[in-house]
Amino acid sequence: MATGFGFPFGVDVSGAIRPEGDDAELRGKVVQVLFTAPGERVNQPEFGCGLFNLVFDPTNTIMAAAVEFSVSSALTRWLGDLLVVGGVDVRSDDEALTVEVAYVRRKDLAPQALRVHFR
């Protein structure tokens, strides 16, 4: 019998730790790729997409294209066996940046989406 906690895990209303389901597990992996900067992991220095580095660039079409390419490439490289990236939409509103990733889970072809908002 396996023991321990997988990532991600959650805490229910009683304070007990419980594992998350398939949706939350894959969503957690997507978040890990998005929020990890290349070079941050010692044993996998190429892991991640550098999203945080790109959000400090001026918001224009060049930056939006760079974010779309970086996010799509990283998710395909690191999670391509689990999902298919359907699209990455980048919107800038004044000083805020919204990145929305649409993907399909390979296991059951369920469409999913994740939105990240930066200010």
Protein backbone atom coordinates (compact mmCIF):
# COMPACT_ATOMS: atom_id res chain seq x y z
CA MET A 1 0.00 0.00 0.00
CA ALA A 2 1.42 3.39 -1.01
CA THR A 3 1.63 6.11 1.58
CA GLY A 4 2.50 9.77 1.42
CA PHE A 5 1.10 12.71 -0.46
CA GLY A 6 1.11 13.38 -4.15
CA PHE A 7 1.16 16.84 -5.64
CA PRO A 8 -1.08 18.68 -5.53
CA PHE A 9 -2.87 17.95 -2.33
CA GLY A 10 -5.69 19.84 -0.66
CA VAL A 11 -7.08 20.50 2.77
CA ASP A 12 -10.76 19.82 3.39
CA VAL A 13 -13.04 21.79 5.73
CA SER A 14 -12.14 19.60 8.70
CA GLY A 15 -8.43 20.33 8.20
CA ALA A 16 -7.58 16.86 6.91
CA ILE A 17 -5.19 16.54 3.98
CA ARG A 18 -6.65 14.84 0.93
CA PRO A 19 -5.35 14.15 -2.57
CA GLU A 20 -6.81 16.16 -5.43
CA GLY A 21 -8.49 14.54 -8.41
CA ASP A 22 -7.23 14.20 -11.98
CA ASP A 23 -8.35 17.70 -12.98
CA ALA A 24 -6.56 19.34 -10.07
CA GLU A 25 -3.46 17.20 -10.54
CA LEU A 26 -3.05 18.14 -14.19
CA ARG A 27 -3.91 21.77 -13.44
CA GLY A 28 -1.20 21.75 -10.76
CA LYS A 29 1.34 20.44 -13.26
CA VAL A 30 0.37 23.16 -15.74
CA VAL A 31 0.82 25.78 -13.02
CA GLN A 32 4.24 24.33 -12.17
CA VAL A 33 5.38 24.69 -15.78
CA LEU A 34 3.99 28.23 -16.06
CA PHE A 35 5.43 29.54 -12.80
CA THR A 36 8.85 27.87 -12.93
CA ALA A 37 11.61 29.89 -14.55
CA PRO A 38 14.21 28.03 -16.61
CA GLY A 39 17.28 27.55 -14.44
CA GLU A 40 15.25 27.44 -11.23
CA ARG A 41 15.45 23.64 -10.90
CA VAL A 42 18.96 22.36 -10.37
CA ASN A 43 18.40 18.90 -11.87
CA GLN A 44 16.20 20.14 -14.73
CA PRO A 45 17.54 23.59 -15.64
CA GLU A 46 15.46 23.79 -18.85
CA PHE A 47 12.13 23.10 -17.07
CA GLY A 48 9.53 25.88 -17.09
CA CYS A 49 8.59 28.68 -19.43
CA GLY A 50 9.74 31.90 -17.79
CA LEU A 51 6.28 33.46 -17.71
CA PHE A 52 7.20 35.70 -14.78
CA ASN A 53 10.17 37.10 -16.70
CA LEU A 54 8.03 38.00 -19.69
CA VAL A 55 5.37 39.90 -17.75
CA PHE A 56 7.82 42.68 -16.94
CA ASP A 57 8.30 43.47 -20.62
CA PRO A 58 6.20 46.25 -22.16
CA THR A 59 2.75 45.01 -23.12
CA ASN A 60 2.59 44.96 -26.90
CA THR A 61 2.02 42.47 -29.71
CA ILE A 62 5.63 41.28 -29.63
CA MET A 63 5.43 40.46 -25.92
CA ALA A 64 2.05 38.74 -26.42
CA ALA A 65 3.49 36.57 -29.20
CA ALA A 66 6.51 35.71 -27.03
CA VAL A 67 4.23 34.66 -24.15
CA GLU A 68 2.03 32.56 -26.45
CA PHE A 69 5.05 30.80 -27.97
CA SER A 70 6.84 30.28 -24.64
CA VAL A 71 3.79 28.89 -22.82
CA SER A 72 2.69 26.65 -25.69
CA SER A 73 6.20 25.28 -26.28
CA ALA A 74 6.88 24.59 -22.60
CA LEU A 75 3.54 22.85 -22.00
CA THR A 76 3.99 20.71 -25.11
CA ARG A 77 7.54 19.80 -24.14
CA TRP A 78 6.97 19.01 -20.47
CA LEU A 79 3.35 17.82 -20.44
CA GLY A 80 2.81 16.69 -24.04
CA ASP A 81 2.11 13.12 -22.95
CA LEU A 82 -0.74 14.36 -20.71
CA LEU A 83 -2.31 17.17 -22.72
CA VAL A 84 -2.63 18.86 -26.08
CA VAL A 85 -2.41 22.64 -26.06
CA GLY A 86 -5.42 24.04 -27.91
CA GLY A 87 -4.37 27.65 -27.68
CA VAL A 88 -2.82 30.39 -25.59
CA ASP A 89 -4.56 33.74 -25.45
CA VAL A 90 -2.72 36.77 -24.07
CA ARG A 91 -4.60 39.98 -23.27
CA SER A 92 -3.22 43.17 -21.81
CA ASP A 93 -5.41 45.72 -20.12
CA ASP A 94 -3.55 48.84 -18.95
CA GLU A 95 -0.90 47.37 -16.64
CA ALA A 96 -2.60 43.96 -16.22
CA LEU A 97 -1.81 40.87 -18.23
CA THR A 98 -4.09 37.84 -18.59
CA VAL A 99 -2.86 34.56 -20.01
CA GLU A 100 -5.47 31.91 -20.78
CA VAL A 101 -4.41 28.41 -21.76
CA ALA A 102 -6.89 26.05 -23.41
CA TYR A 103 -5.88 22.39 -23.48
CA VAL A 104 -7.34 18.92 -23.93
CA ARG A 105 -6.55 16.14 -21.49
CA ARG A 106 -5.23 13.19 -23.51
CA LYS A 107 -6.65 10.61 -21.11
CA ASP A 108 -10.30 11.35 -21.83
CA LEU A 109 -10.18 14.23 -24.36
CA ALA A 110 -11.80 16.55 -21.82
CA PRO A 111 -11.31 20.22 -22.72
CA GLN A 112 -9.82 22.34 -19.92
CA ALA A 113 -8.75 25.94 -19.48
CA LEU A 114 -6.56 27.83 -17.04
CA ARG A 115 -6.43 31.60 -16.66
CA VAL A 116 -3.59 33.49 -14.97
CA HIS A 117 -3.94 37.19 -14.23
CA PHE A 118 -0.98 39.48 -13.41
CA ARG A 119 -1.12 43.08 -12.21
